[in-house]
Amino acid sequence: GTIYTAIDKVTGLKVAVKQINLNQQVKKELLIREL
């Protein structure tokens, strides 16, 4: 996927956002396992 940095508006903390296009995931079971 693609990684973005982002700000939580509530806490003001910086977080990482992993943005994954599900249509491009051949083995979705790997994604489920990772989560």
ModelCIF file with pLDDT and N, C-alpha, C, O atoms, coordinates in Angstrom:
data_MODEL
#
_entry.id   MODEL 
#
_entity.id                         1 
_entity.type                       polymer 
_entity.pdbx_number_of_molecules   1 
#
_entity_poly.entity_id                      1 
_entity_poly.type                           'polypeptide(L)' 
_entity_poly.nstd_linkage                   no 
_entity_poly.nstd_monomer                   no 
_entity_poly.pdbx_seq_one_letter_code       GTIYTAIDKVTGLKVAVKQINLNQQVKKELLIREL 
_entity_poly.pdbx_seq_one_letter_code_can   GTIYTAIDKVTGLKVAVKQINLNQQVKKELLIREL 
_entity_poly.pdbx_strand_id                 A 
#
loop_
_entity_poly_seq.entity_id 
_entity_poly_seq.num 
_entity_poly_seq.mon_id 
_entity_poly_seq.hetero 
1 1  GLY n 
1 2  THR n 
1 3  ILE n 
1 4  TYR n 
1 5  THR n 
1 6  ALA n 
1 7  ILE n 
1 8  ASP n 
1 9  LYS n 
1 10 VAL n 
1 11 THR n 
1 12 GLY n 
1 13 LEU n 
1 14 LYS n 
1 15 VAL n 
1 16 ALA n 
1 17 VAL n 
1 18 LYS n 
1 19 GLN n 
1 20 ILE n 
1 21 ASN n 
1 22 LEU n 
1 23 ASN n 
1 24 GLN n 
1 25 GLN n 
1 26 VAL n 
1 27 LYS n 
1 28 LYS n 
1 29 GLU n 
1 30 LEU n 
1 31 LEU n 
1 32 ILE n 
1 33 ARG n 
1 34 GLU n 
1 35 LEU n 
#
_struct_asym.id          A 
_struct_asym.entity_id   1 
#
loop_
_ma_qa_metric.id 
_ma_qa_metric.mode 
_ma_qa_metric.name 
_ma_qa_metric.software_group_id 
_ma_qa_metric.type 
1 global pLDDT . pLDDT 
2 local  pLDDT . pLDDT 
#
_ma_qa_metric_global.metric_id      1 
_ma_qa_metric_global.metric_value   82.20 
_ma_qa_metric_global.model_id       1 
_ma_qa_metric_global.ordinal_id     1 
#
loop_
_ma_qa_metric_local.label_asym_id 
_ma_qa_metric_local.label_comp_id 
_ma_qa_metric_local.label_seq_id 
_ma_qa_metric_local.metric_id 
_ma_qa_metric_local.metric_value 
_ma_qa_metric_local.model_id 
_ma_qa_metric_local.ordinal_id 
A GLY 1  2 68.00 1 1  
A THR 2  2 81.00 1 2  
A ILE 3  2 85.00 1 3  
A TYR 4  2 87.00 1 4  
A THR 5  2 90.00 1 5  
A ALA 6  2 91.00 1 6  
A ILE 7  2 91.00 1 7  
A ASP 8  2 85.00 1 8  
A LYS 9  2 85.00 1 9  
A VAL 10 2 84.00 1 10 
A THR 11 2 84.00 1 11 
A GLY 12 2 87.00 1 12 
A LEU 13 2 86.00 1 13 
A LYS 14 2 92.00 1 14 
A VAL 15 2 93.00 1 15 
A ALA 16 2 91.00 1 16 
A VAL 17 2 91.00 1 17 
A LYS 18 2 86.00 1 18 
A GLN 19 2 86.00 1 19 
A ILE 20 2 85.00 1 20 
A ASN 21 2 83.00 1 21 
A LEU 22 2 83.00 1 22 
A ASN 23 2 80.00 1 23 
A GLN 24 2 76.00 1 24 
A GLN 25 2 72.00 1 25 
A VAL 26 2 68.00 1 26 
A LYS 27 2 71.00 1 27 
A LYS 28 2 71.00 1 28 
A GLU 29 2 73.00 1 29 
A LEU 30 2 74.00 1 30 
A LEU 31 2 78.00 1 31 
A ILE 32 2 79.00 1 32 
A ARG 33 2 78.00 1 33 
A GLU 34 2 79.00 1 34 
A LEU 35 2 84.00 1 35 
#
loop_
_atom_site.group_PDB 
_atom_site.id 
_atom_site.type_symbol 
_atom_site.label_atom_id 
_atom_site.label_alt_id 
_atom_site.label_comp_id 
_atom_site.label_asym_id 
_atom_site.label_entity_id 
_atom_site.label_seq_id 
_atom_site.pdbx_PDB_ins_code 
_atom_site.Cartn_x 
_atom_site.Cartn_y 
_atom_site.Cartn_z 
_atom_site.occupancy 
_atom_site.B_iso_or_equiv 
_atom_site.pdbx_formal_charge 
_atom_site.auth_seq_id 
_atom_site.auth_comp_id 
_atom_site.auth_asym_id 
_atom_site.auth_atom_id 
_atom_site.pdbx_PDB_model_num 
ATOM 1   N N  . GLY A 1 1  ? 0.831  -1.196  0.000  1.00 68.00 ? 1  GLY A N  1 
ATOM 2   C CA . GLY A 1 1  ? 0.000  0.000   0.000  1.00 68.00 ? 1  GLY A CA 1 
ATOM 3   C C  . GLY A 1 1  ? 0.863  1.242   0.000  1.00 68.00 ? 1  GLY A C  1 
ATOM 4   O O  . GLY A 1 1  ? 2.010  1.216   -0.445 1.00 68.00 ? 1  GLY A O  1 
ATOM 5   N N  . THR A 1 2  ? 0.309  2.322   0.498  1.00 81.00 ? 2  THR A N  1 
ATOM 6   C CA . THR A 1 2  ? 1.030  3.587   0.573  1.00 81.00 ? 2  THR A CA 1 
ATOM 7   C C  . THR A 1 2  ? 0.957  4.088   2.001  1.00 81.00 ? 2  THR A C  1 
ATOM 8   O O  . THR A 1 2  ? -0.095 4.032   2.637  1.00 81.00 ? 2  THR A O  1 
ATOM 9   N N  . ILE A 1 3  ? 2.092  4.584   2.503  1.00 85.00 ? 3  ILE A N  1 
ATOM 10  C CA . ILE A 1 3  ? 2.145  5.099   3.868  1.00 85.00 ? 3  ILE A CA 1 
ATOM 11  C C  . ILE A 1 3  ? 2.070  6.618   3.845  1.00 85.00 ? 3  ILE A C  1 
ATOM 12  O O  . ILE A 1 3  ? 2.775  7.280   3.083  1.00 85.00 ? 3  ILE A O  1 
ATOM 13  N N  . TYR A 1 4  ? 1.202  7.159   4.694  1.00 87.00 ? 4  TYR A N  1 
ATOM 14  C CA . TYR A 1 4  ? 1.121  8.596   4.906  1.00 87.00 ? 4  TYR A CA 1 
ATOM 15  C C  . TYR A 1 4  ? 1.356  8.883   6.381  1.00 87.00 ? 4  TYR A C  1 
ATOM 16  O O  . TYR A 1 4  ? 1.072  8.047   7.239  1.00 87.00 ? 4  TYR A O  1 
ATOM 17  N N  . THR A 1 5  ? 1.874  10.067  6.668  1.00 90.00 ? 5  THR A N  1 
ATOM 18  C CA . THR A 1 5  ? 1.835  10.524  8.047  1.00 90.00 ? 5  THR A CA 1 
ATOM 19  C C  . THR A 1 5  ? 0.588  11.390  8.193  1.00 90.00 ? 5  THR A C  1 
ATOM 20  O O  . THR A 1 5  ? 0.157  12.044  7.243  1.00 90.00 ? 5  THR A O  1 
ATOM 21  N N  . ALA A 1 6  ? 0.021  11.386  9.382  1.00 91.00 ? 6  ALA A N  1 
ATOM 22  C CA . ALA A 1 6  ? -1.222 12.114  9.618  1.00 91.00 ? 6  ALA A CA 1 
ATOM 23  C C  . ALA A 1 6  ? -1.259 12.633  11.045 1.00 91.00 ? 6  ALA A C  1 
ATOM 24  O O  . ALA A 1 6  ? -0.482 12.193  11.892 1.00 91.00 ? 6  ALA A O  1 
ATOM 25  N N  . ILE A 1 7  ? -2.161 13.565  11.310 1.00 91.00 ? 7  ILE A N  1 
ATOM 26  C CA . ILE A 1 7  ? -2.341 14.122  12.636 1.00 91.00 ? 7  ILE A CA 1 
ATOM 27  C C  . ILE A 1 7  ? -3.727 13.757  13.158 1.00 91.00 ? 7  ILE A C  1 
ATOM 28  O O  . ILE A 1 7  ? -4.735 13.980  12.487 1.00 91.00 ? 7  ILE A O  1 
ATOM 29  N N  . ASP A 1 8  ? -3.763 13.196  14.359 1.00 85.00 ? 8  ASP A N  1 
ATOM 30  C CA . ASP A 1 8  ? -5.033 12.938  15.028 1.00 85.00 ? 8  ASP A CA 1 
ATOM 31  C C  . ASP A 1 8  ? -5.563 14.279  15.541 1.00 85.00 ? 8  ASP A C  1 
ATOM 32  O O  . ASP A 1 8  ? -4.934 14.897  16.400 1.00 85.00 ? 8  ASP A O  1 
ATOM 33  N N  . LYS A 1 9  ? -6.687 14.730  15.040 1.00 85.00 ? 9  LYS A N  1 
ATOM 34  C CA . LYS A 1 9  ? -7.228 16.039  15.419 1.00 85.00 ? 9  LYS A CA 1 
ATOM 35  C C  . LYS A 1 9  ? -7.588 16.107  16.903 1.00 85.00 ? 9  LYS A C  1 
ATOM 36  O O  . LYS A 1 9  ? -7.560 17.182  17.503 1.00 85.00 ? 9  LYS A O  1 
ATOM 37  N N  . VAL A 1 10 ? -7.922 14.972  17.486 1.00 84.00 ? 10 VAL A N  1 
ATOM 38  C CA . VAL A 1 10 ? -8.331 14.965  18.888 1.00 84.00 ? 10 VAL A CA 1 
ATOM 39  C C  . VAL A 1 10 ? -7.122 15.065  19.818 1.00 84.00 ? 10 VAL A C  1 
ATOM 40  O O  . VAL A 1 10 ? -7.105 15.889  20.732 1.00 84.00 ? 10 VAL A O  1 
ATOM 41  N N  . THR A 1 11 ? -6.107 14.221  19.582 1.00 84.00 ? 11 THR A N  1 
ATOM 42  C CA . THR A 1 11 ? -4.950 14.165  20.478 1.00 84.00 ? 11 THR A CA 1 
ATOM 43  C C  . THR A 1 11 ? -3.789 15.027  20.003 1.00 84.00 ? 11 THR A C  1 
ATOM 44  O O  . THR A 1 11 ? -2.920 15.391  20.795 1.00 84.00 ? 11 THR A O  1 
ATOM 45  N N  . GLY A 1 12 ? -3.772 15.354  18.710 1.00 87.00 ? 12 GLY A N  1 
ATOM 46  C CA . GLY A 1 12 ? -2.657 16.108  18.148 1.00 87.00 ? 12 GLY A CA 1 
ATOM 47  C C  . GLY A 1 12 ? -1.438 15.256  17.871 1.00 87.00 ? 12 GLY A C  1 
ATOM 48  O O  . GLY A 1 12 ? -0.395 15.771  17.468 1.00 87.00 ? 12 GLY A O  1 
ATOM 49  N N  . LEU A 1 13 ? -1.560 13.950  18.085 1.00 86.00 ? 13 LEU A N  1 
ATOM 50  C CA . LEU A 1 13 ? -0.429 13.056  17.858 1.00 86.00 ? 13 LEU A CA 1 
ATOM 51  C C  . LEU A 1 13 ? -0.267 12.720  16.385 1.00 86.00 ? 13 LEU A C  1 
ATOM 52  O O  . LEU A 1 13 ? -1.248 12.601  15.652 1.00 86.00 ? 13 LEU A O  1 
ATOM 53  N N  . LYS A 1 14 ? 0.983  12.569  15.961 1.00 92.00 ? 14 LYS A N  1 
ATOM 54  C CA . LYS A 1 14 ? 1.261  12.127  14.599 1.00 92.00 ? 14 LYS A CA 1 
ATOM 55  C C  . LYS A 1 14 ? 1.121  10.610  14.534 1.00 92.00 ? 14 LYS A C  1 
ATOM 56  O O  . LYS A 1 14 ? 1.607  9.906   15.420 1.00 92.00 ? 14 LYS A O  1 
ATOM 57  N N  . VAL A 1 15 ? 0.465  10.103  13.500 1.00 93.00 ? 15 VAL A N  1 
ATOM 58  C CA . VAL A 1 15 ? 0.297  8.664   13.309 1.00 93.00 ? 15 VAL A CA 1 
ATOM 59  C C  . VAL A 1 15 ? 0.701  8.304   11.886 1.00 93.00 ? 15 VAL A C  1 
ATOM 60  O O  . VAL A 1 15 ? 0.887  9.179   11.041 1.00 93.00 ? 15 VAL A O  1 
ATOM 61  N N  . ALA A 1 16 ? 0.832  7.012   11.633 1.00 91.00 ? 16 ALA A N  1 
ATOM 62  C CA . ALA A 1 16 ? 1.098  6.517   10.284 1.00 91.00 ? 16 ALA A CA 1 
ATOM 63  C C  . ALA A 1 16 ? -0.188 5.901   9.748  1.00 91.00 ? 16 ALA A C  1 
ATOM 64  O O  . ALA A 1 16 ? -0.889 5.185   10.463 1.00 91.00 ? 16 ALA A O  1 
ATOM 65  N N  . VAL A 1 17 ? -0.489 6.184   8.490  1.00 91.00 ? 17 VAL A N  1 
ATOM 66  C CA . VAL A 1 17 ? -1.687 5.643   7.847  1.00 91.00 ? 17 VAL A CA 1 
ATOM 67  C C  . VAL A 1 17 ? -1.260 4.790   6.664  1.00 91.00 ? 17 VAL A C  1 
ATOM 68  O O  . VAL A 1 17 ? -0.669 5.288   5.706  1.00 91.00 ? 17 VAL A O  1 
ATOM 69  N N  . LYS A 1 18 ? -1.563 3.507   6.741  1.00 86.00 ? 18 LYS A N  1 
ATOM 70  C CA . LYS A 1 18 ? -1.262 2.586   5.651  1.00 86.00 ? 18 LYS A CA 1 
ATOM 71  C C  . LYS A 1 18 ? -2.518 2.488   4.792  1.00 86.00 ? 18 LYS A C  1 
ATOM 72  O O  . LYS A 1 18 ? -3.535 1.951   5.232  1.00 86.00 ? 18 LYS A O  1 
ATOM 73  N N  . GLN A 1 19 ? -2.448 3.003   3.575  1.00 86.00 ? 19 GLN A N  1 
ATOM 74  C CA . GLN A 1 19 ? -3.603 3.071   2.683  1.00 86.00 ? 19 GLN A CA 1 
ATOM 75  C C  . GLN A 1 19 ? -3.479 1.956   1.641  1.00 86.00 ? 19 GLN A C  1 
ATOM 76  O O  . GLN A 1 19 ? -2.557 1.956   0.826  1.00 86.00 ? 19 GLN A O  1 
ATOM 77  N N  . ILE A 1 20 ? -4.418 1.005   1.679  1.00 85.00 ? 20 ILE A N  1 
ATOM 78  C CA . ILE A 1 20 ? -4.323 -0.204  0.866  1.00 85.00 ? 20 ILE A CA 1 
ATOM 79  C C  . ILE A 1 20 ? -5.495 -0.289  -0.100 1.00 85.00 ? 20 ILE A C  1 
ATOM 80  O O  . ILE A 1 20 ? -6.654 -0.249  0.314  1.00 85.00 ? 20 ILE A O  1 
ATOM 81  N N  . ASN A 1 21 ? -5.192 -0.406  -1.382 1.00 83.00 ? 21 ASN A N  1 
ATOM 82  C CA . ASN A 1 21 ? -6.233 -0.595  -2.392 1.00 83.00 ? 21 ASN A CA 1 
ATOM 83  C C  . ASN A 1 21 ? -6.621 -2.071  -2.398 1.00 83.00 ? 21 ASN A C  1 
ATOM 84  O O  . ASN A 1 21 ? -5.832 -2.927  -2.799 1.00 83.00 ? 21 ASN A O  1 
ATOM 85  N N  . LEU A 1 22 ? -7.842 -2.362  -1.950 1.00 83.00 ? 22 LEU A N  1 
ATOM 86  C CA . LEU A 1 22 ? -8.262 -3.756  -1.807 1.00 83.00 ? 22 LEU A CA 1 
ATOM 87  C C  . LEU A 1 22 ? -8.383 -4.464  -3.150 1.00 83.00 ? 22 LEU A C  1 
ATOM 88  O O  . LEU A 1 22 ? -8.220 -5.682  -3.219 1.00 83.00 ? 22 LEU A O  1 
ATOM 89  N N  . ASN A 1 23 ? -8.666 -3.725  -4.216 1.00 80.00 ? 23 ASN A N  1 
ATOM 90  C CA . ASN A 1 23 ? -8.795 -4.337  -5.539 1.00 80.00 ? 23 ASN A CA 1 
ATOM 91  C C  . ASN A 1 23 ? -7.455 -4.861  -6.058 1.00 80.00 ? 23 ASN A C  1 
ATOM 92  O O  . ASN A 1 23 ? -7.415 -5.712  -6.947 1.00 80.00 ? 23 ASN A O  1 
ATOM 93  N N  . GLN A 1 24 ? -6.364 -4.347  -5.498 1.00 76.00 ? 24 GLN A N  1 
ATOM 94  C CA . GLN A 1 24 ? -5.034 -4.760  -5.950 1.00 76.00 ? 24 GLN A CA 1 
ATOM 95  C C  . GLN A 1 24 ? -4.442 -5.854  -5.076 1.00 76.00 ? 24 GLN A C  1 
ATOM 96  O O  . GLN A 1 24 ? -3.324 -6.310  -5.320 1.00 76.00 ? 24 GLN A O  1 
ATOM 97  N N  . GLN A 1 25 ? -5.181 -6.277  -4.060 1.00 72.00 ? 25 GLN A N  1 
ATOM 98  C CA . GLN A 1 25 ? -4.689 -7.313  -3.158 1.00 72.00 ? 25 GLN A CA 1 
ATOM 99  C C  . GLN A 1 25 ? -5.125 -8.687  -3.654 1.00 72.00 ? 25 GLN A C  1 
ATOM 100 O O  . GLN A 1 25 ? -6.295 -9.053  -3.542 1.00 72.00 ? 25 GLN A O  1 
ATOM 101 N N  . VAL A 1 26 ? -4.179 -9.444  -4.201 1.00 68.00 ? 26 VAL A N  1 
ATOM 102 C CA . VAL A 1 26 ? -4.493 -10.766 -4.751 1.00 68.00 ? 26 VAL A CA 1 
ATOM 103 C C  . VAL A 1 26 ? -4.862 -11.742 -3.637 1.00 68.00 ? 26 VAL A C  1 
ATOM 104 O O  . VAL A 1 26 ? -5.812 -12.515 -3.764 1.00 68.00 ? 26 VAL A O  1 
ATOM 105 N N  . LYS A 1 27 ? -4.101 -11.696 -2.545 1.00 71.00 ? 27 LYS A N  1 
ATOM 106 C CA . LYS A 1 27 ? -4.357 -12.603 -1.428 1.00 71.00 ? 27 LYS A CA 1 
ATOM 107 C C  . LYS A 1 27 ? -4.839 -11.796 -0.233 1.00 71.00 ? 27 LYS A C  1 
ATOM 108 O O  . LYS A 1 27 ? -4.052 -11.398 0.625  1.00 71.00 ? 27 LYS A O  1 
ATOM 109 N N  . LYS A 1 28 ? -6.129 -11.567 -0.194 1.00 71.00 ? 28 LYS A N  1 
ATOM 110 C CA . LYS A 1 28 ? -6.690 -10.752 0.885  1.00 71.00 ? 28 LYS A CA 1 
ATOM 111 C C  . LYS A 1 28 ? -6.565 -11.427 2.238  1.00 71.00 ? 28 LYS A C  1 
ATOM 112 O O  . LYS A 1 28 ? -6.611 -10.761 3.272  1.00 71.00 ? 28 LYS A O  1 
ATOM 113 N N  . GLU A 1 29 ? -6.406 -12.761 2.239  1.00 73.00 ? 29 GLU A N  1 
ATOM 114 C CA . GLU A 1 29 ? -6.262 -13.459 3.513  1.00 73.00 ? 29 GLU A CA 1 
ATOM 115 C C  . GLU A 1 29 ? -4.985 -13.047 4.234  1.00 73.00 ? 29 GLU A C  1 
ATOM 116 O O  . GLU A 1 29 ? -4.926 -13.101 5.462  1.00 73.00 ? 29 GLU A O  1 
ATOM 117 N N  . LEU A 1 30 ? -3.942 -12.629 3.473  1.00 74.00 ? 30 LEU A N  1 
ATOM 118 C CA . LEU A 1 30 ? -2.712 -12.154 4.085  1.00 74.00 ? 30 LEU A CA 1 
ATOM 119 C C  . LEU A 1 30 ? -2.942 -10.847 4.827  1.00 74.00 ? 30 LEU A C  1 
ATOM 120 O O  . LEU A 1 30 ? -2.386 -10.620 5.902  1.00 74.00 ? 30 LEU A O  1 
ATOM 121 N N  . LEU A 1 31 ? -3.768 -9.992  4.240  1.00 78.00 ? 31 LEU A N  1 
ATOM 122 C CA . LEU A 1 31 ? -4.099 -8.725  4.870  1.00 78.00 ? 31 LEU A CA 1 
ATOM 123 C C  . LEU A 1 31 ? -4.878 -8.956  6.163  1.00 78.00 ? 31 LEU A C  1 
ATOM 124 O O  . LEU A 1 31 ? -4.616 -8.322  7.185  1.00 78.00 ? 31 LEU A O  1 
ATOM 125 N N  . ILE A 1 32 ? -5.831 -9.868  6.097  1.00 79.00 ? 32 ILE A N  1 
ATOM 126 C CA . ILE A 1 32 ? -6.631 -10.196 7.281  1.00 79.00 ? 32 ILE A CA 1 
ATOM 127 C C  . ILE A 1 32 ? -5.728 -10.749 8.387  1.00 79.00 ? 32 ILE A C  1 
ATOM 128 O O  . ILE A 1 32 ? -5.893 -10.414 9.560  1.00 79.00 ? 32 ILE A O  1 
ATOM 129 N N  . ARG A 1 33 ? -4.785 -11.592 8.004  1.00 78.00 ? 33 ARG A N  1 
ATOM 130 C CA . ARG A 1 33 ? -3.862 -12.182 8.969  1.00 78.00 ? 33 ARG A CA 1 
ATOM 131 C C  . ARG A 1 33 ? -2.990 -11.107 9.613  1.00 78.00 ? 33 ARG A C  1 
ATOM 132 O O  . ARG A 1 33 ? -2.745 -11.130 10.819 1.00 78.00 ? 33 ARG A O  1 
ATOM 133 N N  . GLU A 1 34 ? -2.526 -10.162 8.789  1.00 79.00 ? 34 GLU A N  1 
ATOM 134 C CA . GLU A 1 34 ? -1.684 -9.091  9.309  1.00 79.00 ? 34 GLU A CA 1 
ATOM 135 C C  . GLU A 1 34 ? -2.441 -8.256  10.334 1.00 79.00 ? 34 GLU A C  1 
ATOM 136 O O  . GLU A 1 34 ? -1.919 -7.961  11.409 1.00 79.00 ? 34 GLU A O  1 
ATOM 137 N N  . LEU A 1 35 ? -3.674 -7.875  9.999  1.00 84.00 ? 35 LEU A N  1 
ATOM 138 C CA . LEU A 1 35 ? -4.474 -7.079  10.922 1.00 84.00 ? 35 LEU A CA 1 
ATOM 139 C C  . LEU A 1 35 ? -4.765 -7.850  12.200 1.00 84.00 ? 35 LEU A C  1 
ATOM 140 O O  . LEU A 1 35 ? -5.431 -7.331  13.096 1.00 84.00 ? 35 LEU A O  1 
#
